[in-house]
mmCIF file of all heavy atoms, coordinates in Angstrom:
data_MODEL
# 
_entry.id   MODEL 
# 
loop_
_atom_site.group_PDB 
_atom_site.id 
_atom_site.type_symbol 
_atom_site.label_atom_id 
_atom_site.label_alt_id 
_atom_site.label_comp_id 
_atom_site.label_asym_id 
_atom_site.label_entity_id 
_atom_site.label_seq_id 
_atom_site.pdbx_PDB_ins_code 
_atom_site.Cartn_x 
_atom_site.Cartn_y 
_atom_site.Cartn_z 
_atom_site.occupancy 
_atom_site.B_iso_or_equiv 
_atom_site.pdbx_formal_charge 
_atom_site.auth_seq_id 
_atom_site.auth_comp_id 
_atom_site.auth_asym_id 
_atom_site.auth_atom_id 
_atom_site.pdbx_PDB_model_num 
ATOM 1   N N   . ASN A 1 1  ? -57.119 -129.983 27.222 1.00 0.00 ? 1  ASN A N   1 
ATOM 2   C CA  . ASN A 1 1  ? -57.747 -128.736 27.740 1.00 0.00 ? 1  ASN A CA  1 
ATOM 3   C C   . ASN A 1 1  ? -58.205 -128.860 29.177 1.00 0.00 ? 1  ASN A C   1 
ATOM 4   O O   . ASN A 1 1  ? -59.071 -128.108 29.688 1.00 0.00 ? 1  ASN A O   1 
ATOM 5   C CB  . ASN A 1 1  ? -58.885 -128.418 26.807 1.00 0.00 ? 1  ASN A CB  1 
ATOM 6   C CG  . ASN A 1 1  ? -58.403 -127.922 25.585 1.00 0.00 ? 1  ASN A CG  1 
ATOM 7   O OD1 . ASN A 1 1  ? -57.440 -127.334 25.412 1.00 0.00 ? 1  ASN A OD1 1 
ATOM 8   N ND2 . ASN A 1 1  ? -59.138 -128.372 24.454 1.00 0.00 ? 1  ASN A ND2 1 
ATOM 9   N N   . ASP A 1 2  ? -57.828 -129.831 29.902 1.00 0.00 ? 2  ASP A N   1 
ATOM 10  C CA  . ASP A 1 2  ? -58.122 -130.198 31.255 1.00 0.00 ? 2  ASP A CA  1 
ATOM 11  C C   . ASP A 1 2  ? -57.119 -129.667 32.339 1.00 0.00 ? 2  ASP A C   1 
ATOM 12  O O   . ASP A 1 2  ? -56.151 -130.205 32.481 1.00 0.00 ? 2  ASP A O   1 
ATOM 13  C CB  . ASP A 1 2  ? -58.420 -131.741 31.272 1.00 0.00 ? 2  ASP A CB  1 
ATOM 14  C CG  . ASP A 1 2  ? -59.017 -132.035 32.845 1.00 0.00 ? 2  ASP A CG  1 
ATOM 15  O OD1 . ASP A 1 2  ? -59.021 -131.166 33.609 1.00 0.00 ? 2  ASP A OD1 1 
ATOM 16  O OD2 . ASP A 1 2  ? -59.255 -133.340 32.983 1.00 0.00 ? 2  ASP A OD2 1 
ATOM 17  N N   . ARG A 1 3  ? -57.426 -128.422 32.849 1.00 0.00 ? 3  ARG A N   1 
ATOM 18  C CA  . ARG A 1 3  ? -56.429 -127.714 33.738 1.00 0.00 ? 3  ARG A CA  1 
ATOM 19  C C   . ARG A 1 3  ? -56.094 -128.687 34.925 1.00 0.00 ? 3  ARG A C   1 
ATOM 20  O O   . ARG A 1 3  ? -54.877 -128.847 35.201 1.00 0.00 ? 3  ARG A O   1 
ATOM 21  C CB  . ARG A 1 3  ? -56.980 -126.433 34.036 1.00 0.00 ? 3  ARG A CB  1 
ATOM 22  C CG  . ARG A 1 3  ? -55.976 -125.636 35.016 1.00 0.00 ? 3  ARG A CG  1 
ATOM 23  C CD  . ARG A 1 3  ? -56.598 -124.410 35.369 1.00 0.00 ? 3  ARG A CD  1 
ATOM 24  N NE  . ARG A 1 3  ? -55.707 -123.732 36.347 1.00 0.00 ? 3  ARG A NE  1 
ATOM 25  C CZ  . ARG A 1 3  ? -55.638 -122.471 36.639 1.00 0.00 ? 3  ARG A CZ  1 
ATOM 26  N NH1 . ARG A 1 3  ? -56.341 -121.670 35.950 1.00 0.00 ? 3  ARG A NH1 1 
ATOM 27  N NH2 . ARG A 1 3  ? -54.945 -122.034 37.628 1.00 0.00 ? 3  ARG A NH2 1 
ATOM 28  N N   . PRO A 1 4  ? -57.051 -129.316 35.534 1.00 0.00 ? 4  PRO A N   1 
ATOM 29  C CA  . PRO A 1 4  ? -56.665 -130.044 36.762 1.00 0.00 ? 4  PRO A CA  1 
ATOM 30  C C   . PRO A 1 4  ? -55.757 -131.196 36.301 1.00 0.00 ? 4  PRO A C   1 
ATOM 31  O O   . PRO A 1 4  ? -54.840 -131.572 37.048 1.00 0.00 ? 4  PRO A O   1 
ATOM 32  C CB  . PRO A 1 4  ? -58.034 -130.572 37.300 1.00 0.00 ? 4  PRO A CB  1 
ATOM 33  C CG  . PRO A 1 4  ? -59.083 -129.600 36.897 1.00 0.00 ? 4  PRO A CG  1 
ATOM 34  C CD  . PRO A 1 4  ? -58.636 -129.135 35.464 1.00 0.00 ? 4  PRO A CD  1 
ATOM 35  N N   . LYS A 1 5  ? -56.068 -131.733 35.197 1.00 0.00 ? 5  LYS A N   1 
ATOM 36  C CA  . LYS A 1 5  ? -55.102 -132.879 34.577 1.00 0.00 ? 5  LYS A CA  1 
ATOM 37  C C   . LYS A 1 5  ? -53.795 -132.360 34.396 1.00 0.00 ? 5  LYS A C   1 
ATOM 38  O O   . LYS A 1 5  ? -52.739 -133.065 34.568 1.00 0.00 ? 5  LYS A O   1 
ATOM 39  C CB  . LYS A 1 5  ? -55.809 -133.564 33.424 1.00 0.00 ? 5  LYS A CB  1 
ATOM 40  C CG  . LYS A 1 5  ? -55.072 -134.729 32.964 1.00 0.00 ? 5  LYS A CG  1 
ATOM 41  C CD  . LYS A 1 5  ? -55.877 -135.584 32.083 1.00 0.00 ? 5  LYS A CD  1 
ATOM 42  C CE  . LYS A 1 5  ? -55.305 -136.998 31.990 1.00 0.00 ? 5  LYS A CE  1 
ATOM 43  N NZ  . LYS A 1 5  ? -56.254 -138.012 31.710 1.00 0.00 ? 5  LYS A NZ  1 
ATOM 44  N N   . TYR A 1 6  ? -53.582 -131.204 33.912 1.00 0.00 ? 6  TYR A N   1 
ATOM 45  C CA  . TYR A 1 6  ? -52.438 -130.565 33.621 1.00 0.00 ? 6  TYR A CA  1 
ATOM 46  C C   . TYR A 1 6  ? -51.604 -130.399 34.928 1.00 0.00 ? 6  TYR A C   1 
ATOM 47  O O   . TYR A 1 6  ? -50.350 -130.659 34.999 1.00 0.00 ? 6  TYR A O   1 
ATOM 48  C CB  . TYR A 1 6  ? -52.553 -129.118 32.995 1.00 0.00 ? 6  TYR A CB  1 
ATOM 49  C CG  . TYR A 1 6  ? -52.141 -129.017 31.520 1.00 0.00 ? 6  TYR A CG  1 
ATOM 50  C CD1 . TYR A 1 6  ? -53.047 -128.654 30.682 1.00 0.00 ? 6  TYR A CD1 1 
ATOM 51  C CD2 . TYR A 1 6  ? -50.888 -129.344 30.942 1.00 0.00 ? 6  TYR A CD2 1 
ATOM 52  C CE1 . TYR A 1 6  ? -52.884 -128.525 29.325 1.00 0.00 ? 6  TYR A CE1 1 
ATOM 53  C CE2 . TYR A 1 6  ? -50.641 -129.223 29.766 1.00 0.00 ? 6  TYR A CE2 1 
ATOM 54  C CZ  . TYR A 1 6  ? -51.587 -128.869 28.708 1.00 0.00 ? 6  TYR A CZ  1 
ATOM 55  O OH  . TYR A 1 6  ? -51.355 -128.632 27.493 1.00 0.00 ? 6  TYR A OH  1 
ATOM 56  N N   . GLU A 1 7  ? -52.276 -129.970 35.755 1.00 0.00 ? 7  GLU A N   1 
ATOM 57  C CA  . GLU A 1 7  ? -51.610 -129.585 37.065 1.00 0.00 ? 7  GLU A CA  1 
ATOM 58  C C   . GLU A 1 7  ? -51.222 -130.977 37.815 1.00 0.00 ? 7  GLU A C   1 
ATOM 59  O O   . GLU A 1 7  ? -50.045 -131.106 38.311 1.00 0.00 ? 7  GLU A O   1 
ATOM 60  C CB  . GLU A 1 7  ? -52.625 -128.924 38.169 1.00 0.00 ? 7  GLU A CB  1 
ATOM 61  C CG  . GLU A 1 7  ? -52.783 -127.525 37.699 1.00 0.00 ? 7  GLU A CG  1 
ATOM 62  C CD  . GLU A 1 7  ? -53.701 -126.722 38.589 1.00 0.00 ? 7  GLU A CD  1 
ATOM 63  O OE1 . GLU A 1 7  ? -54.266 -127.164 39.576 1.00 0.00 ? 7  GLU A OE1 1 
ATOM 64  O OE2 . GLU A 1 7  ? -53.887 -125.512 38.284 1.00 0.00 ? 7  GLU A OE2 1 
ATOM 65  N N   . GLN A 1 8  ? -51.964 -132.041 37.574 1.00 0.00 ? 8  GLN A N   1 
ATOM 66  C CA  . GLN A 1 8  ? -51.678 -133.332 38.128 1.00 0.00 ? 8  GLN A CA  1 
ATOM 67  C C   . GLN A 1 8  ? -50.435 -133.871 37.408 1.00 0.00 ? 8  GLN A C   1 
ATOM 68  O O   . GLN A 1 8  ? -49.423 -134.346 37.970 1.00 0.00 ? 8  GLN A O   1 
ATOM 69  C CB  . GLN A 1 8  ? -52.816 -134.386 37.850 1.00 0.00 ? 8  GLN A CB  1 
ATOM 70  C CG  . GLN A 1 8  ? -52.541 -135.693 38.322 1.00 0.00 ? 8  GLN A CG  1 
ATOM 71  C CD  . GLN A 1 8  ? -53.656 -136.710 37.939 1.00 0.00 ? 8  GLN A CD  1 
ATOM 72  O OE1 . GLN A 1 8  ? -54.666 -136.254 37.407 1.00 0.00 ? 8  GLN A OE1 1 
ATOM 73  N NE2 . GLN A 1 8  ? -53.508 -137.911 38.236 1.00 0.00 ? 8  GLN A NE2 1 
ATOM 74  N N   . LEU A 1 9  ? -50.343 -133.599 36.011 1.00 0.00 ? 9  LEU A N   1 
ATOM 75  C CA  . LEU A 1 9  ? -49.135 -133.982 35.298 1.00 0.00 ? 9  LEU A CA  1 
ATOM 76  C C   . LEU A 1 9  ? -47.860 -133.356 35.767 1.00 0.00 ? 9  LEU A C   1 
ATOM 77  O O   . LEU A 1 9  ? -46.807 -133.812 35.774 1.00 0.00 ? 9  LEU A O   1 
ATOM 78  C CB  . LEU A 1 9  ? -49.358 -133.834 33.811 1.00 0.00 ? 9  LEU A CB  1 
ATOM 79  C CG  . LEU A 1 9  ? -50.464 -134.774 33.167 1.00 0.00 ? 9  LEU A CG  1 
ATOM 80  C CD1 . LEU A 1 9  ? -50.687 -134.364 31.664 1.00 0.00 ? 9  LEU A CD1 1 
ATOM 81  C CD2 . LEU A 1 9  ? -49.907 -136.182 33.184 1.00 0.00 ? 9  LEU A CD2 1 
ATOM 82  N N   . LEU A 1 10 ? -48.129 -131.943 36.049 1.00 0.00 ? 10 LEU A N   1 
ATOM 83  C CA  . LEU A 1 10 ? -46.975 -131.162 36.406 1.00 0.00 ? 10 LEU A CA  1 
ATOM 84  C C   . LEU A 1 10 ? -46.476 -131.625 37.805 1.00 0.00 ? 10 LEU A C   1 
ATOM 85  O O   . LEU A 1 10 ? -45.297 -131.582 38.126 1.00 0.00 ? 10 LEU A O   1 
ATOM 86  C CB  . LEU A 1 10 ? -47.371 -129.635 36.592 1.00 0.00 ? 10 LEU A CB  1 
ATOM 87  C CG  . LEU A 1 10 ? -47.299 -128.879 35.309 1.00 0.00 ? 10 LEU A CG  1 
ATOM 88  C CD1 . LEU A 1 10 ? -47.915 -127.510 35.430 1.00 0.00 ? 10 LEU A CD1 1 
ATOM 89  C CD2 . LEU A 1 10 ? -45.875 -128.839 34.824 1.00 0.00 ? 10 LEU A CD2 1 
ATOM 90  N N   . LYS A 1 11 ? -47.341 -132.062 38.654 1.00 0.00 ? 11 LYS A N   1 
ATOM 91  C CA  . LYS A 1 11 ? -46.953 -132.589 39.961 1.00 0.00 ? 11 LYS A CA  1 
ATOM 92  C C   . LYS A 1 11 ? -46.142 -133.847 39.816 1.00 0.00 ? 11 LYS A C   1 
ATOM 93  O O   . LYS A 1 11 ? -45.176 -134.139 40.409 1.00 0.00 ? 11 LYS A O   1 
ATOM 94  C CB  . LYS A 1 11 ? -48.113 -132.791 40.937 1.00 0.00 ? 11 LYS A CB  1 
ATOM 95  C CG  . LYS A 1 11 ? -48.656 -131.491 41.479 1.00 0.00 ? 11 LYS A CG  1 
ATOM 96  C CD  . LYS A 1 11 ? -49.912 -131.837 42.368 1.00 0.00 ? 11 LYS A CD  1 
ATOM 97  C CE  . LYS A 1 11 ? -50.532 -130.500 42.762 1.00 0.00 ? 11 LYS A CE  1 
ATOM 98  N NZ  . LYS A 1 11 ? -51.757 -130.805 43.540 1.00 0.00 ? 11 LYS A NZ  1 
ATOM 99  N N   . ARG A 1 12 ? -46.729 -134.728 38.967 1.00 0.00 ? 12 ARG A N   1 
ATOM 100 C CA  . ARG A 1 12 ? -46.030 -136.024 38.678 1.00 0.00 ? 12 ARG A CA  1 
ATOM 101 C C   . ARG A 1 12 ? -44.762 -135.983 37.966 1.00 0.00 ? 12 ARG A C   1 
ATOM 102 O O   . ARG A 1 12 ? -43.803 -136.670 38.261 1.00 0.00 ? 12 ARG A O   1 
ATOM 103 C CB  . ARG A 1 12 ? -47.117 -136.971 37.913 1.00 0.00 ? 12 ARG A CB  1 
ATOM 104 C CG  . ARG A 1 12 ? -46.477 -138.324 37.347 1.00 0.00 ? 12 ARG A CG  1 
ATOM 105 C CD  . ARG A 1 12 ? -46.502 -139.351 38.366 1.00 0.00 ? 12 ARG A CD  1 
ATOM 106 N NE  . ARG A 1 12 ? -46.290 -140.585 37.945 1.00 0.00 ? 12 ARG A NE  1 
ATOM 107 C CZ  . ARG A 1 12 ? -45.069 -141.059 37.338 1.00 0.00 ? 12 ARG A CZ  1 
ATOM 108 N NH1 . ARG A 1 12 ? -44.093 -140.303 37.375 1.00 0.00 ? 12 ARG A NH1 1 
ATOM 109 N NH2 . ARG A 1 12 ? -44.965 -142.248 36.887 1.00 0.00 ? 12 ARG A NH2 1 
ATOM 110 N N   . PHE A 1 13 ? -44.617 -135.003 37.032 1.00 0.00 ? 13 PHE A N   1 
ATOM 111 C CA  . PHE A 1 13 ? -43.497 -134.940 36.154 1.00 0.00 ? 13 PHE A CA  1 
ATOM 112 C C   . PHE A 1 13 ? -42.840 -133.519 36.370 1.00 0.00 ? 13 PHE A C   1 
ATOM 113 O O   . PHE A 1 13 ? -42.604 -132.746 35.408 1.00 0.00 ? 13 PHE A O   1 
ATOM 114 C CB  . PHE A 1 13 ? -43.872 -135.087 34.719 1.00 0.00 ? 13 PHE A CB  1 
ATOM 115 C CG  . PHE A 1 13 ? -44.414 -136.386 34.431 1.00 0.00 ? 13 PHE A CG  1 
ATOM 116 C CD1 . PHE A 1 13 ? -45.711 -136.549 34.293 1.00 0.00 ? 13 PHE A CD1 1 
ATOM 117 C CD2 . PHE A 1 13 ? -43.622 -137.605 34.398 1.00 0.00 ? 13 PHE A CD2 1 
ATOM 118 C CE1 . PHE A 1 13 ? -46.376 -137.791 34.052 1.00 0.00 ? 13 PHE A CE1 1 
ATOM 119 C CE2 . PHE A 1 13 ? -44.188 -138.833 34.179 1.00 0.00 ? 13 PHE A CE2 1 
ATOM 120 C CZ  . PHE A 1 13 ? -45.539 -138.923 33.910 1.00 0.00 ? 13 PHE A CZ  1 
ATOM 121 N N   . ASN A 1 14 ? -42.653 -133.211 37.634 1.00 0.00 ? 14 ASN A N   1 
ATOM 122 C CA  . ASN A 1 14 ? -42.221 -131.840 37.958 1.00 0.00 ? 14 ASN A CA  1 
ATOM 123 C C   . ASN A 1 14 ? -40.821 -131.551 37.435 1.00 0.00 ? 14 ASN A C   1 
ATOM 124 O O   . ASN A 1 14 ? -40.364 -130.283 37.309 1.00 0.00 ? 14 ASN A O   1 
ATOM 125 C CB  . ASN A 1 14 ? -42.271 -131.530 39.494 1.00 0.00 ? 14 ASN A CB  1 
ATOM 126 C CG  . ASN A 1 14 ? -41.402 -132.493 40.307 1.00 0.00 ? 14 ASN A CG  1 
ATOM 127 O OD1 . ASN A 1 14 ? -40.802 -133.284 39.748 1.00 0.00 ? 14 ASN A OD1 1 
ATOM 128 N ND2 . ASN A 1 14 ? -41.438 -132.414 41.551 1.00 0.00 ? 14 ASN A ND2 1 
ATOM 129 N N   . SER A 1 15 ? -40.190 -132.450 37.046 1.00 0.00 ? 15 SER A N   1 
ATOM 130 C CA  . SER A 1 15 ? -38.675 -132.169 36.478 1.00 0.00 ? 15 SER A CA  1 
ATOM 131 C C   . SER A 1 15 ? -38.710 -132.238 35.031 1.00 0.00 ? 15 SER A C   1 
ATOM 132 O O   . SER A 1 15 ? -37.554 -132.189 34.384 1.00 0.00 ? 15 SER A O   1 
ATOM 133 C CB  . SER A 1 15 ? -37.696 -133.129 37.116 1.00 0.00 ? 15 SER A CB  1 
ATOM 134 O OG  . SER A 1 15 ? -38.008 -134.514 36.816 1.00 0.00 ? 15 SER A OG  1 
ATOM 135 N N   . ASP A 1 16 ? -39.807 -132.584 34.358 1.00 0.00 ? 16 ASP A N   1 
ATOM 136 C CA  . ASP A 1 16 ? -39.913 -132.662 32.906 1.00 0.00 ? 16 ASP A CA  1 
ATOM 137 C C   . ASP A 1 16 ? -40.052 -131.279 32.265 1.00 0.00 ? 16 ASP A C   1 
ATOM 138 O O   . ASP A 1 16 ? -41.220 -130.714 32.448 1.00 0.00 ? 16 ASP A O   1 
ATOM 139 C CB  . ASP A 1 16 ? -40.970 -133.710 32.588 1.00 0.00 ? 16 ASP A CB  1 
ATOM 140 C CG  . ASP A 1 16 ? -40.860 -134.063 30.981 1.00 0.00 ? 16 ASP A CG  1 
ATOM 141 O OD1 . ASP A 1 16 ? -40.874 -133.079 30.160 1.00 0.00 ? 16 ASP A OD1 1 
ATOM 142 O OD2 . ASP A 1 16 ? -40.894 -135.255 30.758 1.00 0.00 ? 16 ASP A OD2 1 
ATOM 143 N N   . LYS A 1 17 ? -39.143 -130.812 31.675 1.00 0.00 ? 17 LYS A N   1 
ATOM 144 C CA  . LYS A 1 17 ? -39.209 -129.340 31.088 1.00 0.00 ? 17 LYS A CA  1 
ATOM 145 C C   . LYS A 1 17 ? -40.219 -129.322 29.973 1.00 0.00 ? 17 LYS A C   1 
ATOM 146 O O   . LYS A 1 17 ? -40.910 -128.312 29.855 1.00 0.00 ? 17 LYS A O   1 
ATOM 147 C CB  . LYS A 1 17 ? -37.850 -128.989 30.485 1.00 0.00 ? 17 LYS A CB  1 
ATOM 148 C CG  . LYS A 1 17 ? -36.784 -128.622 31.611 1.00 0.00 ? 17 LYS A CG  1 
ATOM 149 C CD  . LYS A 1 17 ? -35.512 -128.126 31.064 1.00 0.00 ? 17 LYS A CD  1 
ATOM 150 C CE  . LYS A 1 17 ? -34.536 -127.868 32.183 1.00 0.00 ? 17 LYS A CE  1 
ATOM 151 N NZ  . LYS A 1 17 ? -33.254 -127.445 31.767 1.00 0.00 ? 17 LYS A NZ  1 
ATOM 152 N N   . THR A 1 18 ? -40.483 -130.425 29.187 1.00 0.00 ? 18 THR A N   1 
ATOM 153 C CA  . THR A 1 18 ? -41.395 -130.249 28.062 1.00 0.00 ? 18 THR A CA  1 
ATOM 154 C C   . THR A 1 18 ? -42.879 -130.193 28.650 1.00 0.00 ? 18 THR A C   1 
ATOM 155 O O   . THR A 1 18 ? -43.679 -129.389 28.120 1.00 0.00 ? 18 THR A O   1 
ATOM 156 C CB  . THR A 1 18 ? -41.373 -131.650 27.285 1.00 0.00 ? 18 THR A CB  1 
ATOM 157 O OG1 . THR A 1 18 ? -40.044 -131.718 26.813 1.00 0.00 ? 18 THR A OG1 1 
ATOM 158 C CG2 . THR A 1 18 ? -42.300 -131.507 26.016 1.00 0.00 ? 18 THR A CG2 1 
ATOM 159 N N   . VAL A 1 19 ? -43.170 -130.829 29.673 1.00 0.00 ? 19 VAL A N   1 
ATOM 160 C CA  . VAL A 1 19 ? -44.499 -130.776 30.384 1.00 0.00 ? 19 VAL A CA  1 
ATOM 161 C C   . VAL A 1 19 ? -44.708 -129.390 30.844 1.00 0.00 ? 19 VAL A C   1 
ATOM 162 O O   . VAL A 1 19 ? -45.778 -128.664 30.567 1.00 0.00 ? 19 VAL A O   1 
ATOM 163 C CB  . VAL A 1 19 ? -44.698 -131.913 31.427 1.00 0.00 ? 19 VAL A CB  1 
ATOM 164 C CG1 . VAL A 1 19 ? -45.935 -131.682 32.135 1.00 0.00 ? 19 VAL A CG1 1 
ATOM 165 C CG2 . VAL A 1 19 ? -44.635 -133.288 30.913 1.00 0.00 ? 19 VAL A CG2 1 
ATOM 166 N N   . ALA A 1 20 ? -43.717 -128.828 31.598 1.00 0.00 ? 20 ALA A N   1 
ATOM 167 C CA  . ALA A 1 20 ? -43.818 -127.537 32.079 1.00 0.00 ? 20 ALA A CA  1 
ATOM 168 C C   . ALA A 1 20 ? -43.948 -126.404 31.062 1.00 0.00 ? 20 ALA A C   1 
ATOM 169 O O   . ALA A 1 20 ? -44.674 -125.457 31.051 1.00 0.00 ? 20 ALA A O   1 
ATOM 170 C CB  . ALA A 1 20 ? -42.612 -127.242 33.068 1.00 0.00 ? 20 ALA A CB  1 
ATOM 171 N N   . GLN A 1 21 ? -43.107 -126.616 29.935 1.00 0.00 ? 21 GLN A N   1 
ATOM 172 C CA  . GLN A 1 21 ? -43.129 -125.627 28.975 1.00 0.00 ? 21 GLN A CA  1 
ATOM 173 C C   . GLN A 1 21 ? -44.473 -125.637 28.172 1.00 0.00 ? 21 GLN A C   1 
ATOM 174 O O   . GLN A 1 21 ? -44.966 -124.573 27.860 1.00 0.00 ? 21 GLN A O   1 
ATOM 175 C CB  . GLN A 1 21 ? -42.055 -126.092 27.917 1.00 0.00 ? 21 GLN A CB  1 
ATOM 176 C CG  . GLN A 1 21 ? -41.064 -125.007 27.558 1.00 0.00 ? 21 GLN A CG  1 
ATOM 177 C CD  . GLN A 1 21 ? -39.909 -125.550 26.709 1.00 0.00 ? 21 GLN A CD  1 
ATOM 178 O OE1 . GLN A 1 21 ? -39.881 -126.659 26.123 1.00 0.00 ? 21 GLN A OE1 1 
ATOM 179 N NE2 . GLN A 1 21 ? -38.831 -124.773 26.535 1.00 0.00 ? 21 GLN A NE2 1 
ATOM 180 N N   . VAL A 1 22 ? -45.037 -126.757 27.861 1.00 0.00 ? 22 VAL A N   1 
ATOM 181 C CA  . VAL A 1 22 ? -46.405 -126.867 27.230 1.00 0.00 ? 22 VAL A CA  1 
ATOM 182 C C   . VAL A 1 22 ? -47.360 -126.100 28.064 1.00 0.00 ? 22 VAL A C   1 
ATOM 183 O O   . VAL A 1 22 ? -48.232 -125.455 27.578 1.00 0.00 ? 22 VAL A O   1 
ATOM 184 C CB  . VAL A 1 22 ? -46.704 -128.256 26.865 1.00 0.00 ? 22 VAL A CB  1 
ATOM 185 C CG1 . VAL A 1 22 ? -48.232 -128.280 26.315 1.00 0.00 ? 22 VAL A CG1 1 
ATOM 186 C CG2 . VAL A 1 22 ? -45.727 -128.812 25.802 1.00 0.00 ? 22 VAL A CG2 1 
ATOM 187 N N   . PHE A 1 23 ? -47.329 -126.471 29.431 1.00 0.00 ? 23 PHE A N   1 
ATOM 188 C CA  . PHE A 1 23 ? -48.187 -125.979 30.311 1.00 0.00 ? 23 PHE A CA  1 
ATOM 189 C C   . PHE A 1 23 ? -48.226 -124.355 30.300 1.00 0.00 ? 23 PHE A C   1 
ATOM 190 O O   . PHE A 1 23 ? -49.050 -123.558 30.079 1.00 0.00 ? 23 PHE A O   1 
ATOM 191 C CB  . PHE A 1 23 ? -47.984 -126.449 31.621 1.00 0.00 ? 23 PHE A CB  1 
ATOM 192 C CG  . PHE A 1 23 ? -48.937 -125.963 32.851 1.00 0.00 ? 23 PHE A CG  1 
ATOM 193 C CD1 . PHE A 1 23 ? -50.130 -126.421 32.910 1.00 0.00 ? 23 PHE A CD1 1 
ATOM 194 C CD2 . PHE A 1 23 ? -48.534 -124.903 33.671 1.00 0.00 ? 23 PHE A CD2 1 
ATOM 195 C CE1 . PHE A 1 23 ? -51.010 -126.064 33.776 1.00 0.00 ? 23 PHE A CE1 1 
ATOM 196 C CE2 . PHE A 1 23 ? -49.400 -124.467 34.648 1.00 0.00 ? 23 PHE A CE2 1 
ATOM 197 C CZ  . PHE A 1 23 ? -50.607 -125.053 34.769 1.00 0.00 ? 23 PHE A CZ  1 
ATOM 198 N N   . ALA A 1 24 ? -46.990 -123.934 30.248 1.00 0.00 ? 24 ALA A N   1 
ATOM 199 C CA  . ALA A 1 24 ? -46.767 -122.451 30.306 1.00 0.00 ? 24 ALA A CA  1 
ATOM 200 C C   . ALA A 1 24 ? -47.221 -121.798 28.992 1.00 0.00 ? 24 ALA A C   1 
ATOM 201 O O   . ALA A 1 24 ? -47.759 -120.660 29.006 1.00 0.00 ? 24 ALA A O   1 
ATOM 202 C CB  . ALA A 1 24 ? -45.323 -122.121 30.612 1.00 0.00 ? 24 ALA A CB  1 
ATOM 203 N N   . ASP A 1 25 ? -46.759 -122.462 27.857 1.00 0.00 ? 25 ASP A N   1 
ATOM 204 C CA  . ASP A 1 25 ? -47.099 -121.954 26.526 1.00 0.00 ? 25 ASP A CA  1 
ATOM 205 C C   . ASP A 1 25 ? -48.664 -121.883 26.228 1.00 0.00 ? 25 ASP A C   1 
ATOM 206 O O   . ASP A 1 25 ? -49.107 -120.934 25.706 1.00 0.00 ? 25 ASP A O   1 
ATOM 207 C CB  . ASP A 1 25 ? -46.306 -122.846 25.340 1.00 0.00 ? 25 ASP A CB  1 
ATOM 208 C CG  . ASP A 1 25 ? -44.939 -122.721 25.406 1.00 0.00 ? 25 ASP A CG  1 
ATOM 209 O OD1 . ASP A 1 25 ? -44.322 -121.760 26.083 1.00 0.00 ? 25 ASP A OD1 1 
ATOM 210 O OD2 . ASP A 1 25 ? -44.289 -123.528 24.763 1.00 0.00 ? 25 ASP A OD2 1 
ATOM 211 N N   . LYS A 1 26 ? -49.174 -123.034 26.556 1.00 0.00 ? 26 LYS A N   1 
ATOM 212 C CA  . LYS A 1 26 ? -50.644 -123.081 26.352 1.00 0.00 ? 26 LYS A CA  1 
ATOM 213 C C   . LYS A 1 26 ? -51.419 -122.034 27.242 1.00 0.00 ? 26 LYS A C   1 
ATOM 214 O O   . LYS A 1 26 ? -52.350 -121.560 26.709 1.00 0.00 ? 26 LYS A O   1 
ATOM 215 C CB  . LYS A 1 26 ? -51.231 -124.556 26.679 1.00 0.00 ? 26 LYS A CB  1 
ATOM 216 C CG  . LYS A 1 26 ? -52.522 -124.648 26.184 1.00 0.00 ? 26 LYS A CG  1 
ATOM 217 C CD  . LYS A 1 26 ? -52.812 -126.079 26.281 1.00 0.00 ? 26 LYS A CD  1 
ATOM 218 C CE  . LYS A 1 26 ? -54.317 -126.196 25.969 1.00 0.00 ? 26 LYS A CE  1 
ATOM 219 N NZ  . LYS A 1 26 ? -54.700 -127.176 25.062 1.00 0.00 ? 26 LYS A NZ  1 
ATOM 220 N N   . ALA A 1 27 ? -51.016 -121.787 28.373 1.00 0.00 ? 27 ALA A N   1 
ATOM 221 C CA  . ALA A 1 27 ? -51.624 -120.905 29.245 1.00 0.00 ? 27 ALA A CA  1 
ATOM 222 C C   . ALA A 1 27 ? -51.337 -119.450 28.754 1.00 0.00 ? 27 ALA A C   1 
ATOM 223 O O   . ALA A 1 27 ? -51.950 -118.522 29.262 1.00 0.00 ? 27 ALA A O   1 
ATOM 224 C CB  . ALA A 1 27 ? -51.218 -121.025 30.621 1.00 0.00 ? 27 ALA A CB  1 
# 
């Protein structure tokens, strides 16, 4: 539930569809 950590993960794994999908779904 830590939005800054999510954004950090998205930057680090910007080509990982699972990370992006979870971010979008959760939001």
